[in-house]
């Protein structure tokens, strides 16, 4: 038992020989503060309904943890391979909801790595510059192509040709349309057509529905409000 305690003490001393307690505290504090800034930028620039408080907290945890990992690794190659092997057993089963979330994860990891390798100025400047760039792109809507997509569901009798029945109607009211699915409903009496449509500028959703009801004999019609998609 005494030998084990001595070995643990020597191992702790070996780790601390690469950095002081002061450097550890500075790295933790700075990585936490910078990751907090990134988290606020993420929250302020997030669009849609997939915002997750848990994901934001995870970003901060990842950034701070990476800074400590970089301190522990230092320039020791053997220790780096050991940590890689230990981390390889972790499996993440939650799907990333938005591609920009991956970018923010890498952003916090880069900040944590910079803090852990004692490039404090680099971490600070990188965070400020990237946060400014992200907020600028959000405020000015860079690369946005706004299109109000809606889902149109129509029930038509089985003898109606879905490829041509609504051609004139779509030409008048719709800027673009795509047939997403066809399904037999009501025991084969009707066919449900699901379209993704973009209304023309100034076109009325009510006029579109009324025109569809004329063609499908006043059967079921629904138009689901979509969202502005940035492509």
C-alpha atoms as a PDB file:
ATOM      1  CA  UNK A   1       0.000   0.000   0.000  1.00  0.00           C
ATOM      2  CA  UNK A   2       2.834   2.339   0.837  1.00  0.00           C
ATOM      3  CA  UNK A   3       4.486   1.726  -2.541  1.00  0.00           C
ATOM      4  CA  UNK A   4       1.208   2.422  -4.330  1.00  0.00           C
ATOM      5  CA  UNK A   5       0.790   5.730  -2.519  1.00  0.00           C
ATOM      6  CA  UNK A   6       4.362   6.671  -3.352  1.00  0.00           C
ATOM      7  CA  UNK A   7       3.789   5.846  -7.031  1.00  0.00           C
ATOM      8  CA  UNK A   8       0.627   7.932  -7.129  1.00  0.00           C
ATOM      9  CA  UNK A   9       2.435  10.815  -5.475  1.00  0.00           C
ATOM     10  CA  UNK A  10       5.267  10.570  -7.983  1.00  0.00           C
ATOM     11  CA  UNK A  11       2.784  10.473 -10.847  1.00  0.00           C
ATOM     12  CA  UNK A  12       1.010  13.571  -9.543  1.00  0.00           C
ATOM     13  CA  UNK A  13       4.348  15.334  -9.130  1.00  0.00           C
ATOM     14  CA  UNK A  14       5.319  14.359 -12.682  1.00  0.00           C
ATOM     15  CA  UNK A  15       2.103  15.832 -14.074  1.00  0.00           C
ATOM     16  CA  UNK A  16       2.405  19.027 -12.087  1.00  0.00           C
ATOM     17  CA  UNK A  17       5.999  19.448 -13.238  1.00  0.00           C
ATOM     18  CA  UNK A  18       4.659  20.416 -16.655  1.00  0.00           C
ATOM     19  CA  UNK A  19       2.415  23.186 -15.294  1.00  0.00           C
ATOM     20  CA  UNK A  20       1.833  25.030 -12.061  1.00  0.00           C
ATOM     21  CA  UNK A  21      -1.383  25.344 -10.101  1.00  0.00           C
ATOM     22  CA  UNK A  22      -1.534  28.977 -11.221  1.00  0.00           C
ATOM     23  CA  UNK A  23      -1.395  27.944 -14.889  1.00  0.00           C
ATOM     24  CA  UNK A  24      -4.121  25.379 -14.265  1.00  0.00           C
ATOM     25  CA  UNK A  25      -6.397  27.981 -12.665  1.00  0.00           C
ATOM     26  CA  UNK A  26      -5.733  30.516 -15.443  1.00  0.00           C
ATOM     27  CA  UNK A  27      -6.465  27.919 -18.115  1.00  0.00           C
ATOM     28  CA  UNK A  28      -9.702  26.845 -16.412  1.00  0.00           C
ATOM     29  CA  UNK A  29     -10.902  30.396 -15.791  1.00  0.00           C
ATOM     30  CA  UNK A  30     -10.054  31.696 -19.262  1.00  0.00           C
ATOM     31  CA  UNK A  31     -11.484  28.712 -21.134  1.00  0.00           C
ATOM     32  CA  UNK A  32     -14.674  28.955 -19.069  1.00  0.00           C
ATOM     33  CA  UNK A  33     -15.042  32.699 -19.715  1.00  0.00           C
ATOM     34  CA  UNK A  34     -14.381  32.386 -23.453  1.00  0.00           C
ATOM     35  CA  UNK A  35     -16.685  29.399 -23.851  1.00  0.00           C
ATOM     36  CA  UNK A  36     -19.373  31.329 -21.986  1.00  0.00           C
ATOM     37  CA  UNK A  37     -18.974  34.115 -24.540  1.00  0.00           C
ATOM     38  CA  UNK A  38     -19.309  31.615 -27.377  1.00  0.00           C
ATOM     39  CA  UNK A  39     -22.409  30.150 -25.704  1.00  0.00           C
ATOM     40  CA  UNK A  40     -24.058  33.578 -25.537  1.00  0.00           C
ATOM     41  CA  UNK A  41     -23.245  34.165 -29.215  1.00  0.00           C
ATOM     42  CA  UNK A  42     -24.756  30.764 -30.057  1.00  0.00           C
ATOM     43  CA  UNK A  43     -27.945  31.576 -28.172  1.00  0.00           C
ATOM     44  CA  UNK A  44     -28.239  35.067 -29.669  1.00  0.00           C
ATOM     45  CA  UNK A  45     -27.766  33.866 -33.256  1.00  0.00           C
ATOM     46  CA  UNK A  46     -29.783  30.652 -33.088  1.00  0.00           C
ATOM     47  CA  UNK A  47     -32.728  30.316 -35.448  1.00  0.00           C
ATOM     48  CA  UNK A  48     -35.527  27.794 -35.507  1.00  0.00           C
ATOM     49  CA  UNK A  49     -37.015  25.695 -32.729  1.00  0.00           C
ATOM     50  CA  UNK A  50     -34.192  23.235 -32.042  1.00  0.00           C
ATOM     51  CA  UNK A  51     -32.447  25.312 -29.361  1.00  0.00           C
ATOM     52  CA  UNK A  52     -31.192  23.141 -26.501  1.00  0.00           C
ATOM     53  CA  UNK A  53     -29.921  24.463 -23.180  1.00  0.00           C
ATOM     54  CA  UNK A  54     -28.222  21.121 -22.613  1.00  0.00           C
ATOM     55  CA  UNK A  55     -26.203  21.519 -25.818  1.00  0.00           C
ATOM     56  CA  UNK A  56     -25.025  24.999 -24.779  1.00  0.00           C
ATOM     57  CA  UNK A  57     -23.875  23.712 -21.396  1.00  0.00           C
ATOM     58  CA  UNK A  58     -22.144  20.815 -23.150  1.00  0.00           C
ATOM     59  CA  UNK A  59     -20.175  23.258 -25.314  1.00  0.00           C
ATOM     60  CA  UNK A  60     -18.791  24.951 -22.202  1.00  0.00           C
ATOM     61  CA  UNK A  61     -17.951  21.632 -20.555  1.00  0.00           C
ATOM     62  CA  UNK A  62     -16.139  20.447 -23.703  1.00  0.00           C
ATOM     63  CA  UNK A  63     -14.083  23.634 -23.976  1.00  0.00           C
ATOM     64  CA  UNK A  64     -12.954  23.600 -20.339  1.00  0.00           C
ATOM     65  CA  UNK A  65     -12.266  19.857 -20.386  1.00  0.00           C
ATOM     66  CA  UNK A  66     -10.148  20.110 -23.534  1.00  0.00           C
ATOM     67  CA  UNK A  67      -8.035  22.834 -21.917  1.00  0.00           C
ATOM     68  CA  UNK A  68      -7.236  20.525 -18.991  1.00  0.00           C
ATOM     69  CA  UNK A  69      -6.539  17.611 -21.342  1.00  0.00           C
ATOM     70  CA  UNK A  70      -4.036  19.725 -23.254  1.00  0.00           C
ATOM     71  CA  UNK A  71      -2.339  20.704 -19.997  1.00  0.00           C
ATOM     72  CA  UNK A  72      -2.092  17.068 -18.937  1.00  0.00           C
ATOM     73  CA  UNK A  73      -0.761  15.900 -22.291  1.00  0.00           C
ATOM     74  CA  UNK A  74       1.860  18.608 -22.595  1.00  0.00           C
ATOM     75  CA  UNK A  75       4.576  17.296 -24.903  1.00  0.00           C
ATOM     76  CA  UNK A  76       4.345  13.692 -23.702  1.00  0.00           C
ATOM     77  CA  UNK A  77       3.524  11.505 -26.713  1.00  0.00           C
ATOM     78  CA  UNK A  78       2.833   8.394 -24.620  1.00  0.00           C
ATOM     79  CA  UNK A  79       0.331  10.297 -22.490  1.00  0.00           C
ATOM     80  CA  UNK A  80      -1.378  11.616 -25.624  1.00  0.00           C
ATOM     81  CA  UNK A  81      -1.862   8.103 -27.027  1.00  0.00           C
ATOM     82  CA  UNK A  82      -3.149   6.908 -23.654  1.00  0.00           C
ATOM     83  CA  UNK A  83      -5.801   9.630 -23.571  1.00  0.00           C
ATOM     84  CA  UNK A  84      -6.808   8.910 -27.161  1.00  0.00           C
ATOM     85  CA  UNK A  85      -7.299   5.257 -26.284  1.00  0.00           C
ATOM     86  CA  UNK A  86      -9.329   6.139 -23.204  1.00  0.00           C
ATOM     87  CA  UNK A  87     -11.563   8.571 -25.089  1.00  0.00           C
ATOM     88  CA  UNK A  88     -12.138   6.142 -27.962  1.00  0.00           C
ATOM     89  CA  UNK A  89     -14.486   4.051 -25.805  1.00  0.00           C
ATOM     90  CA  UNK A  90     -16.955   6.963 -25.588  1.00  0.00           C
ATOM     91  CA  UNK A  91     -19.912   6.701 -27.955  1.00  0.00           C
ATOM     92  CA  UNK A  92     -22.238   9.608 -28.649  1.00  0.00           C
ATOM     93  CA  UNK A  93     -25.709   8.518 -29.705  1.00  0.00           C
ATOM     94  CA  UNK A  94     -27.460  11.899 -29.929  1.00  0.00           C
ATOM     95  CA  UNK A  95     -27.789  13.104 -33.517  1.00  0.00           C
ATOM     96  CA  UNK A  96     -26.657  16.664 -34.209  1.00  0.00           C
ATOM     97  CA  UNK A  97     -29.769  18.657 -35.067  1.00  0.00           C
ATOM     98  CA  UNK A  98     -28.059  21.432 -37.029  1.00  0.00           C
ATOM     99  CA  UNK A  99     -24.784  21.516 -38.925  1.00  0.00           C
ATOM    100  CA  UNK A 100     -23.822  24.803 -37.270  1.00  0.00           C
ATOM    101  CA  UNK A 101     -23.794  22.987 -33.923  1.00  0.00           C
ATOM    102  CA  UNK A 102     -20.789  20.991 -35.117  1.00  0.00           C
ATOM    103  CA  UNK A 103     -19.001  24.245 -35.915  1.00  0.00           C
ATOM    104  CA  UNK A 104     -19.617  25.572 -32.409  1.00  0.00           C
ATOM    105  CA  UNK A 105     -18.322  22.350 -30.869  1.00  0.00           C
ATOM    106  CA  UNK A 106     -15.090  22.672 -32.848  1.00  0.00           C
ATOM    107  CA  UNK A 107     -14.924  26.342 -31.898  1.00  0.00           C
ATOM    108  CA  UNK A 108     -15.040  25.597 -28.176  1.00  0.00           C
ATOM    109  CA  UNK A 109     -12.538  22.768 -28.623  1.00  0.00           C
ATOM    110  CA  UNK A 110     -10.111  25.107 -30.393  1.00  0.00           C
ATOM    111  CA  UNK A 111     -10.445  27.655 -27.594  1.00  0.00           C
ATOM    112  CA  UNK A 112      -9.873  24.948 -24.997  1.00  0.00           C
ATOM    113  CA  UNK A 113      -6.778  23.703 -26.843  1.00  0.00           C
ATOM    114  CA  UNK A 114      -5.362  27.212 -27.052  1.00  0.00           C
ATOM    115  CA  UNK A 115      -5.916  27.799 -23.333  1.00  0.00           C
ATOM    116  CA  UNK A 116      -4.472  24.397 -22.449  1.00  0.00           C
ATOM    117  CA  UNK A 117      -1.312  25.037 -24.468  1.00  0.00           C
ATOM    118  CA  UNK A 118      -0.900  28.460 -22.815  1.00  0.00           C
ATOM    119  CA  UNK A 119      -1.676  30.483 -25.953  1.00  0.00           C
ATOM    120  CA  UNK A 120      -3.935  32.751 -23.943  1.00  0.00           C
ATOM    121  CA  UNK A 121      -3.697  35.715 -26.306  1.00  0.00           C
ATOM    122  CA  UNK A 122      -4.505  33.513 -29.276  1.00  0.00           C
ATOM    123  CA  UNK A 123      -7.543  32.081 -27.490  1.00  0.00           C
ATOM    124  CA  UNK A 124      -8.828  35.551 -26.599  1.00  0.00           C
ATOM    125  CA  UNK A 125      -8.321  37.060 -30.054  1.00  0.00           C
ATOM    126  CA  UNK A 126      -9.717  33.982 -31.794  1.00  0.00           C
ATOM    127  CA  UNK A 127     -12.869  34.049 -29.659  1.00  0.00           C
ATOM    128  CA  UNK A 128     -13.452  37.773 -30.192  1.00  0.00           C
ATOM    129  CA  UNK A 129     -12.885  37.582 -33.940  1.00  0.00           C
ATOM    130  CA  UNK A 130     -15.013  34.471 -34.473  1.00  0.00           C
ATOM    131  CA  UNK A 131     -17.829  35.780 -32.273  1.00  0.00           C
ATOM    132  CA  UNK A 132     -17.853  39.044 -34.220  1.00  0.00           C
ATOM    133  CA  UNK A 133     -17.876  37.199 -37.548  1.00  0.00           C
ATOM    134  CA  UNK A 134     -20.719  34.905 -36.494  1.00  0.00           C
ATOM    135  CA  UNK A 135     -22.830  37.781 -35.162  1.00  0.00           C
ATOM    136  CA  UNK A 136     -22.135  39.852 -38.295  1.00  0.00           C
ATOM    137  CA  UNK A 137     -23.243  37.032 -40.594  1.00  0.00           C
ATOM    138  CA  UNK A 138     -26.358  36.581 -38.446  1.00  0.00           C
ATOM    139  CA  UNK A 139     -27.246  40.277 -38.352  1.00  0.00           C
ATOM    140  CA  UNK A 140     -26.750  40.823 -42.094  1.00  0.00           C
ATOM    141  CA  UNK A 141     -28.253  37.466 -43.143  1.00  0.00           C
ATOM    142  CA  UNK A 142     -25.245  36.510 -45.237  1.00  0.00           C
ATOM    143  CA  UNK A 143     -25.886  33.842 -47.905  1.00  0.00           C
ATOM    144  CA  UNK A 144     -29.596  33.847 -47.213  1.00  0.00           C
ATOM    145  CA  UNK A 145     -32.070  32.814 -49.850  1.00  0.00           C
ATOM    146  CA  UNK A 146     -35.412  33.264 -48.204  1.00  0.00           C
ATOM    147  CA  UNK A 147     -38.161  30.952 -49.356  1.00  0.00           C
ATOM    148  CA  UNK A 148     -41.411  30.319 -47.513  1.00  0.00           C
ATOM    149  CA  UNK A 149     -41.899  26.583 -47.880  1.00  0.00           C
ATOM    150  CA  UNK A 150     -45.299  25.102 -47.101  1.00  0.00           C
ATOM    151  CA  UNK A 151     -46.723  21.605 -47.101  1.00  0.00           C
ATOM    152  CA  UNK A 152     -49.870  21.147 -49.182  1.00  0.00           C
ATOM    153  CA  UNK A 153     -51.894  17.968 -48.583  1.00  0.00           C
ATOM    154  CA  UNK A 154     -54.695  17.236 -51.020  1.00  0.00           C
ATOM    155  CA  UNK A 155     -57.186  14.369 -51.236  1.00  0.00           C
ATOM    156  CA  UNK A 156     -58.246  13.645 -54.820  1.00  0.00           C
ATOM    157  CA  UNK A 157     -60.433  10.890 -56.282  1.00  0.00           C
ATOM    158  CA  UNK A 158     -58.516   7.913 -57.613  1.00  0.00           C
ATOM    159  CA  UNK A 159     -59.455   8.763 -61.215  1.00  0.00           C
ATOM    160  CA  UNK A 160     -57.706  12.157 -61.092  1.00  0.00           C
ATOM    161  CA  UNK A 161     -54.269  12.344 -62.714  1.00  0.00           C
ATOM    162  CA  UNK A 162     -51.956  13.931 -60.083  1.00  0.00           C
ATOM    163  CA  UNK A 163     -49.346  14.846 -62.702  1.00  0.00           C
ATOM    164  CA  UNK A 164     -51.612  17.199 -64.623  1.00  0.00           C
ATOM    165  CA  UNK A 165     -54.626  17.996 -62.426  1.00  0.00           C
ATOM    166  CA  UNK A 166     -53.079  21.023 -60.731  1.00  0.00           C
ATOM    167  CA  UNK A 167     -50.784  22.342 -63.467  1.00  0.00           C
ATOM    168  CA  UNK A 168     -52.844  25.452 -64.288  1.00  0.00           C
ATOM    169  CA  UNK A 169     -53.532  26.125 -60.612  1.00  0.00           C
ATOM    170  CA  UNK A 170     -49.853  25.897 -59.643  1.00  0.00           C
ATOM    171  CA  UNK A 171     -48.853  28.109 -62.574  1.00  0.00           C
ATOM    172  CA  UNK A 172     -51.177  30.824 -61.274  1.00  0.00           C
ATOM    173  CA  UNK A 173     -50.539  30.661 -57.518  1.00  0.00           C
ATOM    174  CA  UNK A 174     -47.267  28.825 -56.904  1.00  0.00           C
ATOM    175  CA  UNK A 175     -43.682  29.798 -57.606  1.00  0.00           C
ATOM    176  CA  UNK A 176     -42.334  26.250 -57.279  1.00  0.00           C
ATOM    177  CA  UNK A 177     -43.723  22.905 -56.213  1.00  0.00           C
ATOM    178  CA  UNK A 178     -42.467  19.372 -55.592  1.00  0.00           C
ATOM    179  CA  UNK A 179     -44.561  16.230 -55.183  1.00  0.00           C
ATOM    180  CA  UNK A 180     -43.268  14.578 -52.012  1.00  0.00           C
ATOM    181  CA  UNK A 181     -45.538  11.564 -51.666  1.00  0.00           C
ATOM    182  CA  UNK A 182     -48.656   9.776 -52.885  1.00  0.00           C
ATOM    183  CA  UNK A 183     -50.719   7.534 -50.626  1.00  0.00           C
ATOM    184  CA  UNK A 184     -53.991   5.696 -50.973  1.00  0.00           C
ATOM    185  CA  UNK A 185     -56.480   6.692 -48.246  1.00  0.00           C
ATOM    186  CA  UNK A 186     -60.070   5.952 -47.302  1.00  0.00           C
ATOM    187  CA  UNK A 187     -59.808   2.357 -48.486  1.00  0.00           C
ATOM    188  CA  UNK A 188     -58.562   3.372 -51.902  1.00  0.00           C
ATOM    189  CA  UNK A 189     -61.348   5.827 -52.691  1.00  0.00           C
ATOM    190  CA  UNK A 190     -59.001   8.827 -52.514  1.00  0.00           C
ATOM    191  CA  UNK A 191     -55.314   9.470 -53.077  1.00  0.00           C
ATOM    192  CA  UNK A 192     -53.476  11.795 -50.712  1.00  0.00           C
ATOM    193  CA  UNK A 193     -50.937  14.005 -52.503  1.00  0.00           C
ATOM    194  CA  UNK A 194     -48.321  15.842 -50.454  1.00  0.00           C
ATOM    195  CA  UNK A 195     -46.572  18.799 -52.106  1.00  0.00           C
ATOM    196  CA  UNK A 196     -43.849  21.163 -50.983  1.00  0.00           C
ATOM    197  CA  UNK A 197     -44.864  24.539 -52.401  1.00  0.00           C
ATOM    198  CA  UNK A 198     -43.621  28.121 -52.437  1.00  0.00           C
ATOM    199  CA  UNK A 199     -46.354  30.681 -53.050  1.00  0.00           C
ATOM    200  CA  UNK A 200     -45.807  33.481 -55.509  1.00  0.00           C
ATOM    201  CA  UNK A 201     -45.247  36.945 -54.135  1.00  0.00           C
ATOM    202  CA  UNK A 202     -48.620  38.425 -53.270  1.00  0.00           C
ATOM    203  CA  UNK A 203     -50.437  35.101 -53.648  1.00  0.00           C
ATOM    204  CA  UNK A 204     -53.038  34.233 -51.026  1.00  0.00           C
ATOM    205  CA  UNK A 205     -53.035  30.905 -49.213  1.00  0.00           C
ATOM    206  CA  UNK A 206     -56.839  31.062 -48.992  1.00  0.00           C
ATOM    207  CA  UNK A 207     -57.158  31.519 -52.758  1.00  0.00           C
ATOM    208  CA  UNK A 208     -54.877  28.511 -53.305  1.00  0.00           C
ATOM    209  CA  UNK A 209     -56.991  26.308 -51.022  1.00  0.00           C
ATOM    210  CA  UNK A 210     -60.246  27.439 -52.669  1.00  0.00           C
ATOM    211  CA  UNK A 211     -58.844  26.705 -56.122  1.00  0.00           C
ATOM    212  CA  UNK A 212     -57.720  23.233 -55.051  1.00  0.00           C
ATOM    213  CA  UNK A 213     -61.163  22.454 -53.583  1.00  0.00           C
ATOM    214  CA  UNK A 214     -62.763  23.244 -56.928  1.00  0.00           C
ATOM    215  CA  UNK A 215     -60.572  20.630 -58.622  1.00  0.00           C
ATOM    216  CA  UNK A 216     -60.772  17.875 -55.994  1.00  0.00           C
ATOM    217  CA  UNK A 217     -64.523  18.175 -55.470  1.00  0.00           C
ATOM    218  CA  UNK A 218     -64.379  19.877 -52.066  1.00  0.00           C
ATOM    219  CA  UNK A 219     -62.416  16.995 -50.514  1.00  0.00           C
ATOM    220  CA  UNK A 220     -59.865  17.490 -47.765  1.00  0.00           C
ATOM    221  CA  UNK A 221     -57.167  20.153 -48.331  1.00  0.00           C
ATOM    222  CA  UNK A 222     -54.603  21.370 -45.783  1.00  0.00           C
ATOM    223  CA  UNK A 223     -51.793  23.893 -46.094  1.00  0.00           C
ATOM    224  CA  UNK A 224     -49.223  23.752 -43.316  1.00  0.00           C
ATOM    225  CA  UNK A 225     -47.287  26.888 -42.582  1.00  0.00           C
ATOM    226  CA  UNK A 226     -43.578  26.279 -43.083  1.00  0.00           C
ATOM    227  CA  UNK A 227     -40.559  28.325 -42.133  1.00  0.00           C
ATOM    228  CA  UNK A 228     -38.082  30.508 -43.903  1.00  0.00           C
ATOM    229  CA  UNK A 229     -35.255  28.272 -44.990  1.00  0.00           C
ATOM    230  CA  UNK A 230     -31.771  29.737 -45.490  1.00  0.00           C
ATOM    231  CA  UNK A 231     -29.910  27.930 -48.222  1.00  0.00           C
END
